[in-house]
C-alpha atoms as a PDB file:
ATOM      1  CA  UNK A   1     -19.398 -23.240 -13.264  1.00  0.00           C
ATOM      2  CA  UNK A   2     -20.697 -21.613 -16.440  1.00  0.00           C
ATOM      3  CA  UNK A   3     -19.866 -23.878 -19.432  1.00  0.00           C
ATOM      4  CA  UNK A   4     -19.932 -20.890 -21.817  1.00  0.00           C
ATOM      5  CA  UNK A   5     -16.753 -19.526 -20.221  1.00  0.00           C
ATOM      6  CA  UNK A   6     -13.347 -20.976 -21.140  1.00  0.00           C
ATOM      7  CA  UNK A   7     -11.765 -23.212 -18.563  1.00  0.00           C
ATOM      8  CA  UNK A   8      -9.125 -21.701 -16.250  1.00  0.00           C
ATOM      9  CA  UNK A   9      -5.434 -22.194 -16.846  1.00  0.00           C
ATOM     10  CA  UNK A  10      -4.203 -25.797 -16.812  1.00  0.00           C
ATOM     11  CA  UNK A  11      -2.313 -25.099 -13.608  1.00  0.00           C
ATOM     12  CA  UNK A  12      -5.549 -24.480 -11.699  1.00  0.00           C
ATOM     13  CA  UNK A  13      -7.793 -27.021  -9.987  1.00  0.00           C
ATOM     14  CA  UNK A  14     -11.103 -26.339  -8.291  1.00  0.00           C
ATOM     15  CA  UNK A  15     -12.747 -28.221  -5.445  1.00  0.00           C
ATOM     16  CA  UNK A  16     -16.078 -28.143  -3.681  1.00  0.00           C
ATOM     17  CA  UNK A  17     -14.540 -30.061  -0.781  1.00  0.00           C
ATOM     18  CA  UNK A  18     -10.768 -30.259  -0.397  1.00  0.00           C
ATOM     19  CA  UNK A  19      -9.652 -33.540   1.195  1.00  0.00           C
ATOM     20  CA  UNK A  20      -6.389 -34.890   2.551  1.00  0.00           C
ATOM     21  CA  UNK A  21      -6.127 -37.108  -0.521  1.00  0.00           C
ATOM     22  CA  UNK A  22      -5.873 -33.927  -2.624  1.00  0.00           C
ATOM     23  CA  UNK A  23      -2.590 -32.994  -0.956  1.00  0.00           C
ATOM     24  CA  UNK A  24       0.653 -33.883  -2.711  1.00  0.00           C
ATOM     25  CA  UNK A  25       3.199 -36.207  -1.062  1.00  0.00           C
ATOM     26  CA  UNK A  26       5.395 -34.392   1.484  1.00  0.00           C
ATOM     27  CA  UNK A  27       3.456 -31.171   0.953  1.00  0.00           C
ATOM     28  CA  UNK A  28       3.643 -28.791   3.940  1.00  0.00           C
ATOM     29  CA  UNK A  29       0.653 -26.503   4.528  1.00  0.00           C
ATOM     30  CA  UNK A  30       1.098 -22.869   5.552  1.00  0.00           C
ATOM     31  CA  UNK A  31      -2.097 -21.249   6.811  1.00  0.00           C
ATOM     32  CA  UNK A  32      -3.594 -18.616   9.101  1.00  0.00           C
ATOM     33  CA  UNK A  33      -3.507 -19.616  12.752  1.00  0.00           C
ATOM     34  CA  UNK A  34      -7.023 -18.260  13.198  1.00  0.00           C
ATOM     35  CA  UNK A  35      -9.566 -16.296  11.208  1.00  0.00           C
ATOM     36  CA  UNK A  36     -12.880 -14.524  11.723  1.00  0.00           C
ATOM     37  CA  UNK A  37     -14.041 -15.959   8.378  1.00  0.00           C
ATOM     38  CA  UNK A  38     -15.233 -19.520   7.804  1.00  0.00           C
ATOM     39  CA  UNK A  39     -12.999 -19.851   4.751  1.00  0.00           C
ATOM     40  CA  UNK A  40      -9.956 -18.720   6.724  1.00  0.00           C
ATOM     41  CA  UNK A  41      -9.347 -22.192   8.081  1.00  0.00           C
ATOM     42  CA  UNK A  42     -10.820 -25.226   6.354  1.00  0.00           C
ATOM     43  CA  UNK A  43     -12.251 -28.102   8.419  1.00  0.00           C
ATOM     44  CA  UNK A  44      -9.433 -30.261   7.000  1.00  0.00           C
ATOM     45  CA  UNK A  45      -6.793 -27.938   8.451  1.00  0.00           C
ATOM     46  CA  UNK A  46      -8.420 -28.027  11.883  1.00  0.00           C
ATOM     47  CA  UNK A  47      -8.329 -31.835  11.837  1.00  0.00           C
ATOM     48  CA  UNK A  48      -4.737 -31.985  10.623  1.00  0.00           C
ATOM     49  CA  UNK A  49      -3.558 -29.546  13.275  1.00  0.00           C
ATOM     50  CA  UNK A  50      -4.639 -32.212  15.760  1.00  0.00           C
ATOM     51  CA  UNK A  51      -3.659 -35.362  13.849  1.00  0.00           C
ATOM     52  CA  UNK A  52      -0.718 -34.374  11.633  1.00  0.00           C
ATOM     53  CA  UNK A  53       0.731 -31.164  13.055  1.00  0.00           C
ATOM     54  CA  UNK A  54       4.177 -31.789  11.540  1.00  0.00           C
ATOM     55  CA  UNK A  55       2.733 -30.926   8.134  1.00  0.00           C
ATOM     56  CA  UNK A  56       1.379 -27.573   9.314  1.00  0.00           C
ATOM     57  CA  UNK A  57       2.903 -24.093   9.564  1.00  0.00           C
ATOM     58  CA  UNK A  58       0.494 -21.751  11.356  1.00  0.00           C
ATOM     59  CA  UNK A  59       0.944 -18.005  10.960  1.00  0.00           C
ATOM     60  CA  UNK A  60      -0.558 -15.630  13.482  1.00  0.00           C
ATOM     61  CA  UNK A  61      -0.521 -11.935  12.632  1.00  0.00           C
ATOM     62  CA  UNK A  62       1.296  -9.949  15.315  1.00  0.00           C
ATOM     63  CA  UNK A  63       1.427  -6.544  13.629  1.00  0.00           C
ATOM     64  CA  UNK A  64       2.238  -5.048  10.230  1.00  0.00           C
ATOM     65  CA  UNK A  65       5.913  -5.955  10.599  1.00  0.00           C
ATOM     66  CA  UNK A  66       5.914  -9.207  12.565  1.00  0.00           C
ATOM     67  CA  UNK A  67       4.155 -12.567  12.650  1.00  0.00           C
ATOM     68  CA  UNK A  68       4.035 -15.450  15.110  1.00  0.00           C
ATOM     69  CA  UNK A  69       4.890 -18.601  13.198  1.00  0.00           C
ATOM     70  CA  UNK A  70       4.457 -22.091  14.615  1.00  0.00           C
ATOM     71  CA  UNK A  71       6.002 -24.935  12.626  1.00  0.00           C
ATOM     72  CA  UNK A  72       4.723 -28.368  13.542  1.00  0.00           C
ATOM     73  CA  UNK A  73       4.751 -28.923  17.293  1.00  0.00           C
ATOM     74  CA  UNK A  74       7.633 -26.517  17.934  1.00  0.00           C
ATOM     75  CA  UNK A  75       6.954 -23.374  19.995  1.00  0.00           C
ATOM     76  CA  UNK A  76       5.752 -20.344  18.067  1.00  0.00           C
ATOM     77  CA  UNK A  77       8.447 -17.852  17.126  1.00  0.00           C
ATOM     78  CA  UNK A  78       8.194 -14.168  16.348  1.00  0.00           C
ATOM     79  CA  UNK A  79       9.435 -13.436  12.840  1.00  0.00           C
ATOM     80  CA  UNK A  80      10.125 -10.118  11.165  1.00  0.00           C
ATOM     81  CA  UNK A  81       8.271 -10.307   7.862  1.00  0.00           C
ATOM     82  CA  UNK A  82      11.042  -8.382   6.107  1.00  0.00           C
ATOM     83  CA  UNK A  83      13.659 -10.856   7.367  1.00  0.00           C
ATOM     84  CA  UNK A  84      13.913 -12.982   4.228  1.00  0.00           C
ATOM     85  CA  UNK A  85      16.545 -15.332   5.642  1.00  0.00           C
ATOM     86  CA  UNK A  86      14.345 -16.265   8.597  1.00  0.00           C
ATOM     87  CA  UNK A  87      11.325 -16.829   6.351  1.00  0.00           C
ATOM     88  CA  UNK A  88      13.403 -18.965   4.002  1.00  0.00           C
ATOM     89  CA  UNK A  89      14.547 -21.103   6.923  1.00  0.00           C
ATOM     90  CA  UNK A  90      10.916 -21.730   7.908  1.00  0.00           C
ATOM     91  CA  UNK A  91       9.735 -22.669   4.398  1.00  0.00           C
ATOM     92  CA  UNK A  92      12.759 -24.760   3.510  1.00  0.00           C
ATOM     93  CA  UNK A  93      10.614 -27.806   2.677  1.00  0.00           C
ATOM     94  CA  UNK A  94      10.185 -30.208  -0.242  1.00  0.00           C
ATOM     95  CA  UNK A  95       6.746 -28.890  -1.241  1.00  0.00           C
ATOM     96  CA  UNK A  96       4.650 -26.003   0.012  1.00  0.00           C
ATOM     97  CA  UNK A  97       0.928 -25.236  -0.068  1.00  0.00           C
ATOM     98  CA  UNK A  98       0.112 -21.657   1.016  1.00  0.00           C
ATOM     99  CA  UNK A  99      -3.524 -21.081   1.954  1.00  0.00           C
ATOM    100  CA  UNK A 100      -3.910 -17.313   1.437  1.00  0.00           C
ATOM    101  CA  UNK A 101      -7.658 -17.326   2.201  1.00  0.00           C
ATOM    102  CA  UNK A 102      -7.228 -16.150   5.800  1.00  0.00           C
ATOM    103  CA  UNK A 103      -3.870 -14.403   5.479  1.00  0.00           C
ATOM    104  CA  UNK A 104      -3.490 -10.647   4.853  1.00  0.00           C
ATOM    105  CA  UNK A 105      -1.370  -9.486   1.918  1.00  0.00           C
ATOM    106  CA  UNK A 106       1.485  -8.239   4.096  1.00  0.00           C
ATOM    107  CA  UNK A 107       1.915 -11.776   5.481  1.00  0.00           C
ATOM    108  CA  UNK A 108       1.533 -14.040   2.452  1.00  0.00           C
ATOM    109  CA  UNK A 109       3.323 -11.776  -0.066  1.00  0.00           C
ATOM    110  CA  UNK A 110       6.790 -11.923   1.565  1.00  0.00           C
ATOM    111  CA  UNK A 111       6.393 -15.666   2.156  1.00  0.00           C
ATOM    112  CA  UNK A 112       5.532 -16.170  -1.513  1.00  0.00           C
ATOM    113  CA  UNK A 113       8.530 -14.055  -2.509  1.00  0.00           C
ATOM    114  CA  UNK A 114      10.855 -16.266  -0.469  1.00  0.00           C
ATOM    115  CA  UNK A 115       9.342 -19.415  -1.987  1.00  0.00           C
ATOM    116  CA  UNK A 116       9.887 -17.915  -5.454  1.00  0.00           C
ATOM    117  CA  UNK A 117      13.520 -17.066  -4.748  1.00  0.00           C
ATOM    118  CA  UNK A 118      14.194 -20.526  -3.290  1.00  0.00           C
ATOM    119  CA  UNK A 119      12.332 -22.272  -6.135  1.00  0.00           C
ATOM    120  CA  UNK A 120      10.333 -24.301  -3.611  1.00  0.00           C
ATOM    121  CA  UNK A 121       7.615 -26.245  -5.494  1.00  0.00           C
ATOM    122  CA  UNK A 122       4.584 -24.242  -4.440  1.00  0.00           C
ATOM    123  CA  UNK A 123       0.817 -24.421  -4.718  1.00  0.00           C
ATOM    124  CA  UNK A 124      -1.416 -21.612  -3.492  1.00  0.00           C
ATOM    125  CA  UNK A 125      -4.961 -22.124  -2.214  1.00  0.00           C
ATOM    126  CA  UNK A 126      -7.770 -19.577  -2.282  1.00  0.00           C
ATOM    127  CA  UNK A 127     -11.217 -20.405  -0.892  1.00  0.00           C
ATOM    128  CA  UNK A 128     -14.106 -18.227  -2.022  1.00  0.00           C
ATOM    129  CA  UNK A 129     -16.644 -17.212   0.593  1.00  0.00           C
ATOM    130  CA  UNK A 130     -20.202 -18.373   0.110  1.00  0.00           C
ATOM    131  CA  UNK A 131     -21.335 -14.753   0.429  1.00  0.00           C
ATOM    132  CA  UNK A 132     -20.187 -11.294   1.484  1.00  0.00           C
ATOM    133  CA  UNK A 133     -21.855  -9.307   4.259  1.00  0.00           C
ATOM    134  CA  UNK A 134     -23.822  -6.349   2.931  1.00  0.00           C
ATOM    135  CA  UNK A 135     -22.924  -2.908   4.285  1.00  0.00           C
ATOM    136  CA  UNK A 136     -25.605  -1.584   6.673  1.00  0.00           C
ATOM    137  CA  UNK A 137     -25.591   1.719   4.752  1.00  0.00           C
ATOM    138  CA  UNK A 138     -24.511   0.892   1.189  1.00  0.00           C
ATOM    139  CA  UNK A 139     -23.004   3.802  -0.743  1.00  0.00           C
ATOM    140  CA  UNK A 140     -21.940   4.310  -4.328  1.00  0.00           C
ATOM    141  CA  UNK A 141     -18.382   3.173  -3.530  1.00  0.00           C
ATOM    142  CA  UNK A 142     -19.110   0.532  -0.902  1.00  0.00           C
ATOM    143  CA  UNK A 143     -21.704  -2.211  -1.228  1.00  0.00           C
ATOM    144  CA  UNK A 144     -20.275  -4.805   1.158  1.00  0.00           C
ATOM    145  CA  UNK A 145     -19.063  -4.375   4.749  1.00  0.00           C
ATOM    146  CA  UNK A 146     -15.443  -5.401   4.244  1.00  0.00           C
ATOM    147  CA  UNK A 147     -13.073  -3.075   6.127  1.00  0.00           C
ATOM    148  CA  UNK A 148     -13.061  -1.233   9.435  1.00  0.00           C
ATOM    149  CA  UNK A 149     -10.293   1.198   8.496  1.00  0.00           C
ATOM    150  CA  UNK A 150      -7.032   1.480   6.553  1.00  0.00           C
ATOM    151  CA  UNK A 151      -3.529   1.810   7.973  1.00  0.00           C
ATOM    152  CA  UNK A 152      -2.460   3.806   4.934  1.00  0.00           C
ATOM    153  CA  UNK A 153       0.029   3.577   2.097  1.00  0.00           C
ATOM    154  CA  UNK A 154       3.129   1.581   3.056  1.00  0.00           C
ATOM    155  CA  UNK A 155       5.287  -1.017   1.280  1.00  0.00           C
ATOM    156  CA  UNK A 156       4.535  -4.678   1.797  1.00  0.00           C
ATOM    157  CA  UNK A 157       7.398  -6.336   3.737  1.00  0.00           C
ATOM    158  CA  UNK A 158      10.123  -7.255   1.273  1.00  0.00           C
ATOM    159  CA  UNK A 159       8.703  -4.987  -1.427  1.00  0.00           C
ATOM    160  CA  UNK A 160      10.276  -1.645  -0.521  1.00  0.00           C
ATOM    161  CA  UNK A 161      11.159   0.074  -3.795  1.00  0.00           C
ATOM    162  CA  UNK A 162      14.380   2.087  -3.541  1.00  0.00           C
ATOM    163  CA  UNK A 163      14.462   3.317  -7.139  1.00  0.00           C
ATOM    164  CA  UNK A 164      12.135   5.924  -8.589  1.00  0.00           C
ATOM    165  CA  UNK A 165      10.676   6.241 -12.093  1.00  0.00           C
ATOM    166  CA  UNK A 166      13.233   7.529 -14.581  1.00  0.00           C
ATOM    167  CA  UNK A 167      10.568   9.811 -16.051  1.00  0.00           C
ATOM    168  CA  UNK A 168       7.667  10.922 -13.848  1.00  0.00           C
ATOM    169  CA  UNK A 169       5.584  11.675 -16.932  1.00  0.00           C
ATOM    170  CA  UNK A 170       5.705   8.025 -18.009  1.00  0.00           C
ATOM    171  CA  UNK A 171       3.923   6.114 -15.264  1.00  0.00           C
ATOM    172  CA  UNK A 172       1.071   3.626 -15.267  1.00  0.00           C
ATOM    173  CA  UNK A 173      -1.321   3.001 -12.414  1.00  0.00           C
ATOM    174  CA  UNK A 174      -2.845  -0.456 -12.854  1.00  0.00           C
ATOM    175  CA  UNK A 175      -5.731  -0.905 -10.436  1.00  0.00           C
ATOM    176  CA  UNK A 176      -6.974  -4.444  -9.880  1.00  0.00           C
ATOM    177  CA  UNK A 177     -10.436  -3.438  -8.762  1.00  0.00           C
ATOM    178  CA  UNK A 178     -12.770  -4.829  -6.134  1.00  0.00           C
ATOM    179  CA  UNK A 179     -15.832  -3.683  -4.226  1.00  0.00           C
ATOM    180  CA  UNK A 180     -14.193  -0.766  -2.370  1.00  0.00           C
ATOM    181  CA  UNK A 181     -14.067   2.099  -4.834  1.00  0.00           C
ATOM    182  CA  UNK A 182     -12.423   4.551  -2.441  1.00  0.00           C
ATOM    183  CA  UNK A 183      -9.219   2.510  -2.221  1.00  0.00           C
ATOM    184  CA  UNK A 184      -7.670   2.940  -5.689  1.00  0.00           C
ATOM    185  CA  UNK A 185      -8.484   6.653  -5.774  1.00  0.00           C
ATOM    186  CA  UNK A 186      -6.661   7.269  -2.485  1.00  0.00           C
ATOM    187  CA  UNK A 187      -3.600   5.561  -3.924  1.00  0.00           C
ATOM    188  CA  UNK A 188      -3.651   7.443  -7.244  1.00  0.00           C
ATOM    189  CA  UNK A 189      -3.643  10.750  -5.413  1.00  0.00           C
ATOM    190  CA  UNK A 190      -0.175   9.874  -4.063  1.00  0.00           C
ATOM    191  CA  UNK A 191       1.305   9.928  -7.588  1.00  0.00           C
ATOM    192  CA  UNK A 192       2.345  13.152  -9.304  1.00  0.00           C
ATOM    193  CA  UNK A 193       1.917  13.969 -12.090  1.00  0.00           C
ATOM    194  CA  UNK A 194      -1.261  12.010 -12.767  1.00  0.00           C
ATOM    195  CA  UNK A 195      -0.396   8.607 -14.308  1.00  0.00           C
ATOM    196  CA  UNK A 196      -2.145   6.688 -17.066  1.00  0.00           C
ATOM    197  CA  UNK A 197      -4.862   4.752 -15.214  1.00  0.00           C
ATOM    198  CA  UNK A 198      -5.601   1.196 -16.345  1.00  0.00           C
ATOM    199  CA  UNK A 199      -8.437  -0.569 -14.470  1.00  0.00           C
ATOM    200  CA  UNK A 200      -8.623  -4.361 -14.310  1.00  0.00           C
ATOM    201  CA  UNK A 201     -12.052  -5.872 -13.614  1.00  0.00           C
ATOM    202  CA  UNK A 202     -12.692  -9.527 -12.774  1.00  0.00           C
ATOM    203  CA  UNK A 203     -14.703 -10.909 -15.710  1.00  0.00           C
ATOM    204  CA  UNK A 204     -16.068 -13.495 -15.433  1.00  0.00           C
ATOM    205  CA  UNK A 205     -16.517 -12.869 -11.722  1.00  0.00           C
ATOM    206  CA  UNK A 206     -16.823 -15.368  -8.919  1.00  0.00           C
ATOM    207  CA  UNK A 207     -20.547 -14.751  -9.250  1.00  0.00           C
ATOM    208  CA  UNK A 208     -22.441 -13.450 -12.273  1.00  0.00           C
ATOM    209  CA  UNK A 209     -23.319 -10.109 -10.679  1.00  0.00           C
ATOM    210  CA  UNK A 210     -19.887  -9.298  -9.236  1.00  0.00           C
ATOM    211  CA  UNK A 211     -18.410  -7.505 -12.294  1.00  0.00           C
ATOM    212  CA  UNK A 212     -21.385  -5.128 -12.321  1.00  0.00           C
ATOM    213  CA  UNK A 213     -20.876  -4.461  -8.601  1.00  0.00           C
ATOM    214  CA  UNK A 214     -17.186  -3.758  -9.202  1.00  0.00           C
ATOM    215  CA  UNK A 215     -17.860  -1.276 -11.985  1.00  0.00           C
ATOM    216  CA  UNK A 216     -20.612   0.432  -9.980  1.00  0.00           C
ATOM    217  CA  UNK A 217     -18.428   0.817  -6.892  1.00  0.00           C
ATOM    218  CA  UNK A 218     -15.582   2.242  -8.994  1.00  0.00           C
ATOM    219  CA  UNK A 219     -17.545   4.445 -11.392  1.00  0.00           C
ATOM    220  CA  UNK A 220     -16.056   7.647  -9.982  1.00  0.00           C
ATOM    221  CA  UNK A 221     -12.583   6.251 -10.759  1.00  0.00           C
ATOM    222  CA  UNK A 222     -13.590   5.694 -14.383  1.00  0.00           C
ATOM    223  CA  UNK A 223     -15.070   9.154 -14.797  1.00  0.00           C
ATOM    224  CA  UNK A 224     -12.491  11.185 -12.859  1.00  0.00           C
ATOM    225  CA  UNK A 225      -9.484   9.605 -14.577  1.00  0.00           C
ATOM    226  CA  UNK A 226     -11.102   8.943 -17.982  1.00  0.00           C
ATOM    227  CA  UNK A 227     -10.206   5.270 -17.626  1.00  0.00           C
ATOM    228  CA  UNK A 228     -13.092   3.671 -19.570  1.00  0.00           C
ATOM    229  CA  UNK A 229     -11.014   3.212 -22.719  1.00  0.00           C
ATOM    230  CA  UNK A 230      -8.203   1.460 -20.830  1.00  0.00           C
ATOM    231  CA  UNK A 231     -10.258  -1.150 -18.984  1.00  0.00           C
ATOM    232  CA  UNK A 232      -9.051  -4.763 -19.064  1.00  0.00           C
ATOM    233  CA  UNK A 233     -11.153  -7.798 -18.163  1.00  0.00           C
ATOM    234  CA  UNK A 234      -9.417 -10.719 -16.462  1.00  0.00           C
ATOM    235  CA  UNK A 235     -10.981 -13.808 -14.904  1.00  0.00           C
ATOM    236  CA  UNK A 236     -11.489 -12.931 -11.232  1.00  0.00           C
ATOM    237  CA  UNK A 237     -10.197 -16.318 -10.110  1.00  0.00           C
ATOM    238  CA  UNK A 238      -7.028 -16.546 -12.207  1.00  0.00           C
ATOM    239  CA  UNK A 239      -3.579 -15.261 -11.168  1.00  0.00           C
ATOM    240  CA  UNK A 240      -2.080 -16.687 -14.363  1.00  0.00           C
ATOM    241  CA  UNK A 241      -4.346 -14.577 -16.581  1.00  0.00           C
ATOM    242  CA  UNK A 242      -3.575 -11.578 -14.376  1.00  0.00           C
ATOM    243  CA  UNK A 243       0.168 -12.083 -14.812  1.00  0.00           C
ATOM    244  CA  UNK A 244      -0.225 -12.395 -18.592  1.00  0.00           C
ATOM    245  CA  UNK A 245      -2.409  -9.284 -18.768  1.00  0.00           C
ATOM    246  CA  UNK A 246       0.165  -7.250 -16.861  1.00  0.00           C
ATOM    247  CA  UNK A 247       2.818  -8.533 -19.266  1.00  0.00           C
ATOM    248  CA  UNK A 248       0.686  -7.369 -22.206  1.00  0.00           C
ATOM    249  CA  UNK A 249       0.079  -3.950 -20.618  1.00  0.00           C
ATOM    250  CA  UNK A 250       3.814  -3.492 -20.119  1.00  0.00           C
ATOM    251  CA  UNK A 251       4.452  -4.470 -23.745  1.00  0.00           C
ATOM    252  CA  UNK A 252       2.084  -1.686 -24.827  1.00  0.00           C
ATOM    253  CA  UNK A 253       3.922   0.817 -22.603  1.00  0.00           C
ATOM    254  CA  UNK A 254       7.510  -0.490 -22.743  1.00  0.00           C
ATOM    255  CA  UNK A 255       9.225   2.600 -21.310  1.00  0.00           C
ATOM    256  CA  UNK A 256       6.675   3.262 -18.548  1.00  0.00           C
ATOM    257  CA  UNK A 257       7.068   2.625 -14.830  1.00  0.00           C
ATOM    258  CA  UNK A 258       4.200   0.523 -13.450  1.00  0.00           C
ATOM    259  CA  UNK A 259       2.423   1.058 -10.143  1.00  0.00           C
ATOM    260  CA  UNK A 260       0.235  -1.906  -9.164  1.00  0.00           C
ATOM    261  CA  UNK A 261      -2.702  -1.543  -6.770  1.00  0.00           C
ATOM    262  CA  UNK A 262      -3.900  -5.051  -5.727  1.00  0.00           C
ATOM    263  CA  UNK A 263      -7.165  -3.905  -4.121  1.00  0.00           C
ATOM    264  CA  UNK A 264      -9.473  -6.477  -5.746  1.00  0.00           C
ATOM    265  CA  UNK A 265      -9.647 -10.260  -5.670  1.00  0.00           C
ATOM    266  CA  UNK A 266      -6.894 -12.231  -3.968  1.00  0.00           C
ATOM    267  CA  UNK A 267      -6.190 -14.250  -7.155  1.00  0.00           C
ATOM    268  CA  UNK A 268      -5.666 -10.941  -8.994  1.00  0.00           C
ATOM    269  CA  UNK A 269      -3.407  -9.816  -6.139  1.00  0.00           C
ATOM    270  CA  UNK A 270      -1.508 -13.091  -6.359  1.00  0.00           C
ATOM    271  CA  UNK A 271      -0.793 -12.556 -10.058  1.00  0.00           C
ATOM    272  CA  UNK A 272       0.192  -8.934  -9.427  1.00  0.00           C
ATOM    273  CA  UNK A 273       2.563  -9.815  -6.570  1.00  0.00           C
ATOM    274  CA  UNK A 274       4.290 -12.447  -8.716  1.00  0.00           C
ATOM    275  CA  UNK A 275       4.604  -9.959 -11.560  1.00  0.00           C
ATOM    276  CA  UNK A 276       6.170  -7.415  -9.189  1.00  0.00           C
ATOM    277  CA  UNK A 277       8.627 -10.028  -7.881  1.00  0.00           C
ATOM    278  CA  UNK A 278       9.677 -10.908 -11.419  1.00  0.00           C
ATOM    279  CA  UNK A 279       9.874  -7.281 -12.634  1.00  0.00           C
ATOM    280  CA  UNK A 280      11.008  -5.504  -9.480  1.00  0.00           C
ATOM    281  CA  UNK A 281      13.110  -2.806 -11.173  1.00  0.00           C
ATOM    282  CA  UNK A 282      10.207  -1.319 -13.124  1.00  0.00           C
ATOM    283  CA  UNK A 283       7.230  -2.184 -10.907  1.00  0.00           C
ATOM    284  CA  UNK A 284       6.005  -0.958  -7.531  1.00  0.00           C
ATOM    285  CA  UNK A 285       3.205  -2.320  -5.342  1.00  0.00           C
ATOM    286  CA  UNK A 286       0.942   0.332  -3.803  1.00  0.00           C
ATOM    287  CA  UNK A 287      -1.094  -0.999  -0.898  1.00  0.00           C
ATOM    288  CA  UNK A 288      -3.220   0.666   1.777  1.00  0.00           C
ATOM    289  CA  UNK A 289      -3.318  -2.131   4.401  1.00  0.00           C
ATOM    290  CA  UNK A 290      -7.025  -2.537   5.214  1.00  0.00           C
ATOM    291  CA  UNK A 291      -8.126  -3.572   8.693  1.00  0.00           C
ATOM    292  CA  UNK A 292     -10.654  -6.252   7.833  1.00  0.00           C
ATOM    293  CA  UNK A 293     -14.105  -6.390   9.396  1.00  0.00           C
ATOM    294  CA  UNK A 294     -14.821  -9.470  11.501  1.00  0.00           C
ATOM    295  CA  UNK A 295     -17.526 -11.597   9.905  1.00  0.00           C
ATOM    296  CA  UNK A 296     -17.115  -9.884   6.535  1.00  0.00           C
ATOM    297  CA  UNK A 297     -18.000 -13.136   4.780  1.00  0.00           C
ATOM    298  CA  UNK A 298     -20.005 -16.258   5.470  1.00  0.00           C
ATOM    299  CA  UNK A 299     -19.460 -19.870   4.496  1.00  0.00           C
ATOM    300  CA  UNK A 300     -16.992 -21.538   2.142  1.00  0.00           C
ATOM    301  CA  UNK A 301     -17.440 -21.578  -1.612  1.00  0.00           C
ATOM    302  CA  UNK A 302     -15.309 -23.042  -4.395  1.00  0.00           C
ATOM    303  CA  UNK A 303     -11.698 -23.782  -3.447  1.00  0.00           C
ATOM    304  CA  UNK A 304      -9.035 -22.928  -6.027  1.00  0.00           C
ATOM    305  CA  UNK A 305      -5.570 -24.482  -6.104  1.00  0.00           C
ATOM    306  CA  UNK A 306      -2.930 -22.731  -8.222  1.00  0.00           C
ATOM    307  CA  UNK A 307       0.150 -24.830  -9.024  1.00  0.00           C
ATOM    308  CA  UNK A 308       3.202 -22.648  -9.664  1.00  0.00           C
ATOM    309  CA  UNK A 309       5.662 -25.519  -9.574  1.00  0.00           C
ATOM    310  CA  UNK A 310       9.155 -24.051  -9.082  1.00  0.00           C
ATOM    311  CA  UNK A 311       8.016 -20.781 -10.761  1.00  0.00           C
ATOM    312  CA  UNK A 312      10.064 -21.652 -13.855  1.00  0.00           C
ATOM    313  CA  UNK A 313       7.266 -20.685 -16.260  1.00  0.00           C
ATOM    314  CA  UNK A 314       6.961 -17.102 -14.999  1.00  0.00           C
END
């Protein structure tokens, strides 16, 4: 932790080692059933799955539309991720902790949306990796070996937008940037006419050098869309700051429709998803559904816990 940076929002806690004592009373944990990354399932979760399974909801990815969800010791059930009533039945608990570290966006986003609508007291966990795997042939837009392929532009379950911008000439494309510079450009090309492009870079980053990597990998985005003047810097680890920044951007463009591309850090994506839930009539999530590379990260770094309570402050 760099003492020269301001502390994160008061609703955030950080841990080097998350223990059972750090759980809240009656808190149910929702997590990935398995993961190719160390951070995808903490040692604590593995122990609790054996010793206290009633507190665990394990989610196994079936495909882009379905998941296998096992609650406690009950048999796993196949759930349509766009079936909000079924998801709400599963997460109808007193308190919920969602570990998004090993879950893909199309799984955790609809679950978070249901928790928001039900006002379930919710905390979200994100575990940093200790390090990312370098790409065997680094290029200007790809430094780390993160994705095998992309399934292409499609709505996240529960986030299908049925309305269109009232004025196509008044659209924003807010790109929450990461280390894969080809992703936001592919999404922008789907929008006509060309929108106002606003890049968001994680500063400070999880590591000191990460903001420089992000800008380097996305430099063609900046130059092609003349986006340098519109860049915003938001703490890479903070969904609350992300949400506030999106609120400020909207205030500067009050009559613009906002496309959000959560292709950077998961905390940035978390803030963007919550903003889209809250402002669904004037906001649309654009996502390209990456197929993640096995072993893309190593180890477990700092663990972040974001306390959203009943979402009353959003």
